[in-house]
C-alpha atoms as a PDB file:
ATOM      1  CA  MET A   1      80.150 100.685 110.757  1.00  0.00           C
ATOM      2  CA  LYS A   2      78.947 101.112 114.353  1.00  0.00           C
ATOM      3  CA  ASN A   3      78.951 104.286 116.400  1.00  0.00           C
ATOM      4  CA  SER A   4      78.227 106.409 113.332  1.00  0.00           C
ATOM      5  CA  ALA A   5      77.228 109.393 115.488  1.00  0.00           C
ATOM      6  CA  ARG A   6      80.819 109.827 116.599  1.00  0.00           C
ATOM      7  CA  ARG A   7      83.042 111.815 114.237  1.00  0.00           C
ATOM      8  CA  TYR A   8      86.525 110.488 113.559  1.00  0.00           C
ATOM      9  CA  VAL A   9      89.492 111.914 111.683  1.00  0.00           C
ATOM     10  CA  ILE A  10      92.624 109.897 110.984  1.00  0.00           C
ATOM     11  CA  PHE A  11      96.041 111.537 110.697  1.00  0.00           C
ATOM     12  CA  SER A  12      99.178 109.727 109.615  1.00  0.00           C
ATOM     13  CA  ASP A  13     102.841 110.529 109.389  1.00  0.00           C
ATOM     14  CA  PHE A  14     104.350 109.715 105.989  1.00  0.00           C
ATOM     15  CA  ASP A  15     108.035 108.765 106.215  1.00  0.00           C
ATOM     16  CA  GLY A  16     108.609 105.433 107.907  1.00  0.00           C
ATOM     17  CA  THR A  17     104.884 105.118 108.572  1.00  0.00           C
ATOM     18  CA  ILE A  18     103.166 105.016 105.193  1.00  0.00           C
ATOM     19  CA  THR A  19     106.523 104.221 103.572  1.00  0.00           C
ATOM     20  CA  THR A  20     108.801 101.322 104.478  1.00  0.00           C
ATOM     21  CA  ALA A  21     111.720 103.710 104.975  1.00  0.00           C
ATOM     22  CA  ASP A  22     112.208 107.423 105.571  1.00  0.00           C
ATOM     23  CA  THR A  23     112.618 109.195 102.224  1.00  0.00           C
ATOM     24  CA  LEU A  24     114.702 112.037 103.628  1.00  0.00           C
ATOM     25  CA  VAL A  25     117.034 109.687 105.510  1.00  0.00           C
ATOM     26  CA  TYR A  26     117.513 107.721 102.300  1.00  0.00           C
ATOM     27  CA  LEU A  27     118.354 110.851 100.301  1.00  0.00           C
ATOM     28  CA  LEU A  28     120.667 112.261 102.954  1.00  0.00           C
ATOM     29  CA  ASP A  29     122.490 108.940 103.336  1.00  0.00           C
ATOM     30  CA  ASN A  30     123.051 108.708  99.591  1.00  0.00           C
ATOM     31  CA  TYR A  31     123.351 112.329  98.438  1.00  0.00           C
ATOM     32  CA  GLY A  32     124.117 114.363 101.548  1.00  0.00           C
ATOM     33  CA  ASP A  33     127.194 115.111 103.592  1.00  0.00           C
ATOM     34  CA  PRO A  34     127.707 112.434 106.299  1.00  0.00           C
ATOM     35  CA  HIS A  35     127.762 115.341 108.748  1.00  0.00           C
ATOM     36  CA  TRP A  36     123.977 115.350 108.567  1.00  0.00           C
ATOM     37  CA  TRP A  37     123.898 112.602 111.225  1.00  0.00           C
ATOM     38  CA  ASP A  38     125.616 114.954 113.684  1.00  0.00           C
ATOM     39  CA  ILE A  39     122.814 117.440 113.084  1.00  0.00           C
ATOM     40  CA  GLU A  40     120.200 114.744 113.671  1.00  0.00           C
ATOM     41  CA  LYS A  41     121.859 113.679 116.917  1.00  0.00           C
ATOM     42  CA  SER A  42     121.858 117.290 118.115  1.00  0.00           C
ATOM     43  CA  LEU A  43     118.136 117.455 117.360  1.00  0.00           C
ATOM     44  CA  LEU A  44     117.416 114.258 119.292  1.00  0.00           C
ATOM     45  CA  ARG A  45     119.443 115.542 122.255  1.00  0.00           C
ATOM     46  CA  GLY A  46     117.324 118.698 122.277  1.00  0.00           C
ATOM     47  CA  GLU A  47     120.218 120.975 121.351  1.00  0.00           C
ATOM     48  CA  MET A  48     118.382 122.497 118.368  1.00  0.00           C
ATOM     49  CA  ASP A  49     114.792 122.621 117.228  1.00  0.00           C
ATOM     50  CA  GLU A  50     113.363 120.706 114.300  1.00  0.00           C
ATOM     51  CA  LYS A  51     113.150 123.802 112.108  1.00  0.00           C
ATOM     52  CA  GLU A  52     116.874 124.522 112.333  1.00  0.00           C
ATOM     53  CA  ALA A  53     117.861 120.859 112.026  1.00  0.00           C
ATOM     54  CA  LEU A  54     115.800 120.281 108.885  1.00  0.00           C
ATOM     55  CA  ARG A  55     117.259 123.306 107.129  1.00  0.00           C
ATOM     56  CA  ARG A  56     120.819 122.359 108.027  1.00  0.00           C
ATOM     57  CA  GLU A  57     120.290 118.795 106.864  1.00  0.00           C
ATOM     58  CA  ILE A  58     118.731 119.845 103.570  1.00  0.00           C
ATOM     59  CA  ASP A  59     121.640 122.225 103.000  1.00  0.00           C
ATOM     60  CA  THR A  60     123.914 119.156 102.793  1.00  0.00           C
ATOM     61  CA  LEU A  61     121.926 117.575  99.936  1.00  0.00           C
ATOM     62  CA  CYS A  62     123.437 117.665  96.458  1.00  0.00           C
ATOM     63  CA  VAL A  63     121.196 115.894  93.951  1.00  0.00           C
ATOM     64  CA  THR A  64     118.824 116.825  91.131  1.00  0.00           C
ATOM     65  CA  TRP A  65     115.097 116.229  91.492  1.00  0.00           C
ATOM     66  CA  ASP A  66     115.038 113.688  88.651  1.00  0.00           C
ATOM     67  CA  THR A  67     117.860 111.647  90.187  1.00  0.00           C
ATOM     68  CA  ALA A  68     116.300 111.798  93.646  1.00  0.00           C
ATOM     69  CA  LEU A  69     112.882 110.769  92.374  1.00  0.00           C
ATOM     70  CA  GLU A  70     114.232 107.820  90.402  1.00  0.00           C
ATOM     71  CA  ALA A  71     116.156 106.624  93.467  1.00  0.00           C
ATOM     72  CA  LEU A  72     113.078 106.911  95.667  1.00  0.00           C
ATOM     73  CA  TYR A  73     110.868 105.105  93.152  1.00  0.00           C
ATOM     74  CA  ASN A  74     113.358 102.245  93.042  1.00  0.00           C
ATOM     75  CA  ASN A  75     114.046 101.943  96.763  1.00  0.00           C
ATOM     76  CA  ILE A  76     111.060 103.177  98.809  1.00  0.00           C
ATOM     77  CA  LYS A  77     107.776 101.271  98.931  1.00  0.00           C
ATOM     78  CA  LEU A  78     104.456 101.718 100.686  1.00  0.00           C
ATOM     79  CA  GLU A  79     103.932  99.878 103.961  1.00  0.00           C
ATOM     80  CA  ALA A  80     102.023  96.583 103.890  1.00  0.00           C
ATOM     81  CA  GLY A  81      98.258  96.990 104.071  1.00  0.00           C
ATOM     82  CA  PHE A  82      98.165 100.710 103.352  1.00  0.00           C
ATOM     83  CA  ALA A  83      96.087 100.467 100.153  1.00  0.00           C
ATOM     84  CA  ASP A  84      93.482  98.227 101.837  1.00  0.00           C
ATOM     85  CA  PHE A  85      93.435 100.486 104.901  1.00  0.00           C
ATOM     86  CA  LEU A  86      92.871 103.549 102.739  1.00  0.00           C
ATOM     87  CA  LYS A  87      90.084 101.867 100.765  1.00  0.00           C
ATOM     88  CA  TRP A  88      88.261 100.882 103.950  1.00  0.00           C
ATOM     89  CA  ILE A  89      88.392 104.317 105.532  1.00  0.00           C
ATOM     90  CA  GLN A  90      87.299 105.936 102.265  1.00  0.00           C
ATOM     91  CA  ASP A  91      84.429 103.444 101.878  1.00  0.00           C
ATOM     92  CA  ASN A  92      83.375 104.430 105.402  1.00  0.00           C
ATOM     93  CA  LYS A  93      83.792 108.136 104.665  1.00  0.00           C
ATOM     94  CA  LEU A  94      86.389 108.737 107.382  1.00  0.00           C
ATOM     95  CA  PRO A  95      88.556 111.813 106.807  1.00  0.00           C
ATOM     96  CA  PHE A  96      92.237 110.936 106.301  1.00  0.00           C
ATOM     97  CA  ILE A  97      95.056 113.489 106.263  1.00  0.00           C
ATOM     98  CA  ILE A  98      98.804 112.949 105.912  1.00  0.00           C
ATOM     99  CA  LEU A  99     100.841 115.143 108.268  1.00  0.00           C
ATOM    100  CA  SER A 100     104.486 115.160 107.252  1.00  0.00           C
ATOM    101  CA  GLY A 101     107.529 116.905 108.642  1.00  0.00           C
ATOM    102  CA  GLY A 102     109.043 116.327 105.208  1.00  0.00           C
ATOM    103  CA  PHE A 103     107.994 117.543 101.800  1.00  0.00           C
ATOM    104  CA  ALA A 104     104.692 117.454  99.930  1.00  0.00           C
ATOM    105  CA  GLU A 105     106.397 117.023  96.561  1.00  0.00           C
ATOM    106  CA  ILE A 106     108.086 113.810  97.670  1.00  0.00           C
ATOM    107  CA  SER A 107     104.974 112.386  99.335  1.00  0.00           C
ATOM    108  CA  ARG A 108     102.752 113.169  96.363  1.00  0.00           C
ATOM    109  CA  ALA A 109     105.237 111.778  93.852  1.00  0.00           C
ATOM    110  CA  LEU A 110     105.553 108.457  95.684  1.00  0.00           C
ATOM    111  CA  LEU A 111     101.807 108.165  96.226  1.00  0.00           C
ATOM    112  CA  GLY A 112     101.260 108.988  92.568  1.00  0.00           C
ATOM    113  CA  LYS A 113     103.206 105.878  91.619  1.00  0.00           C
ATOM    114  CA  TYR A 114     100.323 103.923  93.195  1.00  0.00           C
ATOM    115  CA  ASP A 115      97.544 106.268  91.963  1.00  0.00           C
ATOM    116  CA  LEU A 116      97.008 107.517  95.517  1.00  0.00           C
ATOM    117  CA  ASP A 117      98.043 111.148  95.061  1.00  0.00           C
ATOM    118  CA  HIS A 118      94.477 112.363  95.713  1.00  0.00           C
ATOM    119  CA  ILE A 119      95.066 112.095  99.490  1.00  0.00           C
ATOM    120  CA  GLU A 120      95.234 115.369 101.412  1.00  0.00           C
ATOM    121  CA  ILE A 121      98.835 116.130 102.380  1.00  0.00           C
ATOM    122  CA  ARG A 122      99.963 118.803 104.823  1.00  0.00           C
ATOM    123  CA  ALA A 123     103.730 119.233 104.718  1.00  0.00           C
ATOM    124  CA  ASN A 124     106.587 121.541 103.881  1.00  0.00           C
ATOM    125  CA  SER A 125     107.499 122.286 100.282  1.00  0.00           C
ATOM    126  CA  LEU A 126     110.742 122.322  98.324  1.00  0.00           C
ATOM    127  CA  GLU A 127     112.524 124.815  96.136  1.00  0.00           C
ATOM    128  CA  ILE A 128     115.102 123.021  93.978  1.00  0.00           C
ATOM    129  CA  SER A 129     117.649 124.752  91.782  1.00  0.00           C
ATOM    130  CA  GLY A 130     119.861 122.313  89.924  1.00  0.00           C
ATOM    131  CA  ASP A 131     121.199 120.013  92.636  1.00  0.00           C
ATOM    132  CA  ARG A 132     120.594 122.339  95.605  1.00  0.00           C
ATOM    133  CA  TRP A 133     117.497 122.130  97.782  1.00  0.00           C
ATOM    134  CA  ARG A 134     115.780 124.664 100.046  1.00  0.00           C
ATOM    135  CA  VAL A 135     112.997 124.221 102.608  1.00  0.00           C
ATOM    136  CA  ILE A 136     109.780 126.185 102.107  1.00  0.00           C
ATOM    137  CA  PRO A 137     107.902 126.009 105.436  1.00  0.00           C
ATOM    138  CA  ALA A 138     104.295 124.860 105.426  1.00  0.00           C
ATOM    139  CA  GLY A 139     101.943 127.818 105.356  1.00  0.00           C
ATOM    140  CA  ARG A 140      99.898 126.694 108.334  1.00  0.00           C
ATOM    141  CA  PRO A 141      99.642 127.989 111.924  1.00  0.00           C
ATOM    142  CA  LYS A 142     102.195 126.819 114.469  1.00  0.00           C
ATOM    143  CA  ILE A 143     101.718 126.237 118.188  1.00  0.00           C
ATOM    144  CA  LYS A 144     105.301 126.587 119.419  1.00  0.00           C
ATOM    145  CA  GLY A 145     107.152 127.683 116.270  1.00  0.00           C
ATOM    146  CA  ARG A 146     109.829 125.013 116.616  1.00  0.00           C
ATOM    147  CA  CYS A 147     108.910 123.170 113.396  1.00  0.00           C
ATOM    148  CA  ASP A 148     108.450 124.294 109.808  1.00  0.00           C
ATOM    149  CA  HIS A 149     105.253 122.245 109.751  1.00  0.00           C
ATOM    150  CA  CYS A 150     103.347 122.005 113.024  1.00  0.00           C
ATOM    151  CA  LYS A 151     101.555 118.658 112.879  1.00  0.00           C
ATOM    152  CA  SER A 152     100.111 119.262 116.325  1.00  0.00           C
ATOM    153  CA  PHE A 153      98.055 122.253 115.182  1.00  0.00           C
ATOM    154  CA  SER A 154      96.021 120.092 112.768  1.00  0.00           C
ATOM    155  CA  VAL A 155      95.339 117.470 115.453  1.00  0.00           C
ATOM    156  CA  LYS A 156      94.458 120.067 118.085  1.00  0.00           C
ATOM    157  CA  GLU A 157      92.213 121.988 115.680  1.00  0.00           C
ATOM    158  CA  MET A 158      90.148 118.940 114.731  1.00  0.00           C
ATOM    159  CA  ARG A 159      89.917 117.696 118.316  1.00  0.00           C
ATOM    160  CA  GLU A 160      88.610 121.080 119.456  1.00  0.00           C
ATOM    161  CA  ASP A 161      86.073 120.895 116.612  1.00  0.00           C
ATOM    162  CA  GLY A 162      84.610 117.772 118.185  1.00  0.00           C
ATOM    163  CA  TYR A 163      86.366 115.037 116.235  1.00  0.00           C
ATOM    164  CA  THR A 164      87.887 111.955 117.813  1.00  0.00           C
ATOM    165  CA  THR A 165      91.420 112.224 116.492  1.00  0.00           C
ATOM    166  CA  ILE A 166      93.473 109.156 115.572  1.00  0.00           C
ATOM    167  CA  TYR A 167      97.196 109.627 115.010  1.00  0.00           C
ATOM    168  CA  ILE A 168      99.564 107.105 113.371  1.00  0.00           C
ATOM    169  CA  GLY A 169     103.319 107.588 113.588  1.00  0.00           C
ATOM    170  CA  ASP A 170     106.748 106.126 114.158  1.00  0.00           C
ATOM    171  CA  GLY A 171     109.358 108.851 114.614  1.00  0.00           C
ATOM    172  CA  SER A 172     110.644 111.685 116.755  1.00  0.00           C
ATOM    173  CA  ASN A 173     108.583 114.372 115.030  1.00  0.00           C
ATOM    174  CA  ASP A 174     105.429 112.395 115.852  1.00  0.00           C
ATOM    175  CA  ARG A 175     105.916 112.843 119.592  1.00  0.00           C
ATOM    176  CA  CYS A 176     104.256 116.239 119.903  1.00  0.00           C
ATOM    177  CA  PRO A 177     101.137 115.524 117.772  1.00  0.00           C
ATOM    178  CA  ALA A 178     100.650 112.202 119.570  1.00  0.00           C
ATOM    179  CA  THR A 179     100.163 114.104 122.834  1.00  0.00           C
ATOM    180  CA  TYR A 180      97.244 116.013 121.284  1.00  0.00           C
ATOM    181  CA  ALA A 181      95.459 112.984 119.778  1.00  0.00           C
ATOM    182  CA  ASN A 182      92.653 110.984 121.369  1.00  0.00           C
ATOM    183  CA  ILE A 183      93.969 107.683 119.998  1.00  0.00           C
ATOM    184  CA  VAL A 184      97.564 106.873 119.026  1.00  0.00           C
ATOM    185  CA  PHE A 185      99.106 104.097 116.946  1.00  0.00           C
ATOM    186  CA  ALA A 186     102.863 103.928 117.532  1.00  0.00           C
ATOM    187  CA  LYS A 187     105.998 101.971 116.747  1.00  0.00           C
ATOM    188  CA  ASN A 188     109.767 102.575 116.881  1.00  0.00           C
ATOM    189  CA  ASP A 189     110.801 105.941 118.366  1.00  0.00           C
ATOM    190  CA  LEU A 190     107.228 107.094 118.938  1.00  0.00           C
ATOM    191  CA  GLU A 191     106.419 103.907 120.836  1.00  0.00           C
ATOM    192  CA  GLU A 192     109.390 104.453 123.146  1.00  0.00           C
ATOM    193  CA  PHE A 193     108.268 108.024 123.750  1.00  0.00           C
ATOM    194  CA  CYS A 194     104.739 106.873 124.584  1.00  0.00           C
ATOM    195  CA  LYS A 195     106.061 104.278 127.043  1.00  0.00           C
ATOM    196  CA  GLN A 196     108.330 106.787 128.784  1.00  0.00           C
ATOM    197  CA  ASN A 197     105.670 109.497 129.007  1.00  0.00           C
ATOM    198  CA  ASP A 198     102.579 107.443 129.853  1.00  0.00           C
ATOM    199  CA  VAL A 199     100.874 108.195 126.539  1.00  0.00           C
ATOM    200  CA  ALA A 200      98.303 105.486 125.818  1.00  0.00           C
ATOM    201  CA  TYR A 201      98.843 103.858 122.425  1.00  0.00           C
ATOM    202  CA  TYR A 202      98.279 100.811 120.252  1.00  0.00           C
ATOM    203  CA  HIS A 203     101.373  99.054 118.924  1.00  0.00           C
ATOM    204  CA  TYR A 204     101.312  98.213 115.234  1.00  0.00           C
ATOM    205  CA  ALA A 205     103.667  96.609 112.733  1.00  0.00           C
ATOM    206  CA  ASP A 206     101.889  97.730 109.555  1.00  0.00           C
ATOM    207  CA  PHE A 207      98.534  98.996 108.330  1.00  0.00           C
ATOM    208  CA  ASN A 208      96.998  95.533 108.449  1.00  0.00           C
ATOM    209  CA  ASP A 209      97.313  95.734 112.233  1.00  0.00           C
ATOM    210  CA  ILE A 210      95.904  99.255 112.350  1.00  0.00           C
ATOM    211  CA  LEU A 211      92.858  98.325 110.264  1.00  0.00           C
ATOM    212  CA  LYS A 212      92.085  95.281 112.435  1.00  0.00           C
ATOM    213  CA  ILE A 213      92.281  97.326 115.634  1.00  0.00           C
ATOM    214  CA  ILE A 214      90.173 100.169 114.243  1.00  0.00           C
ATOM    215  CA  GLN A 215      87.514  97.739 112.995  1.00  0.00           C
ATOM    216  CA  SER A 216      87.378  95.577 116.115  1.00  0.00           C
ATOM    217  CA  THR A 217      88.159  97.948 118.976  1.00  0.00           C
ATOM    218  CA  ILE A 218      87.717 101.613 118.068  1.00  0.00           C
ATOM    219  CA  ILE A 219      85.012 102.162 115.473  1.00  0.00           C
ATOM    220  CA  ALA A 220      83.130  99.099 116.729  1.00  0.00           C
ATOM    221  CA  LYS A 221      82.640 100.568 120.213  1.00  0.00           C
END
């Protein structure tokens, strides 16, 4: 690997980025009140912050952990190329951290299915009683206090420590951390945000694309 003197850290969103579909959207669509979409639309219009929206959405869920986990195992898969991508960055000793606006228990359970639950995950937590769920905010510092888990703080902290920060994401809650990163990989909602706000980014379809770009364009410089 060239340019070994430069320190890199890679951050990635989980839902819809590492996974082929958003785990929370899947659960809310199947076990939540349809009203949850009205909450999501209010969030996207800027009428409420992410912290309030997440709690209201989770309040609509009615499902046991065992039922939810079985459904996720059967319907949510890891994105193409992720295992090879992870092996390469680990072989090259590049730090890799998952930053999720969702829940560590869900991320770790799905990764565990593929023996990948050793990855560092920073996310919110869950308290589940029967079929009712409650958000436990991530116990990390927050820049603006509008999210239960401030992804941006982790990116900002590592950048200020001298790392070249790489951020991979796809959704609305990836917008803020992308503005703090040195290098951004984006698709879907995050890509539209980057276009509209002049945030430089690399488009990707899956982790095969990301690995090729990192090997040929970024780390190779």
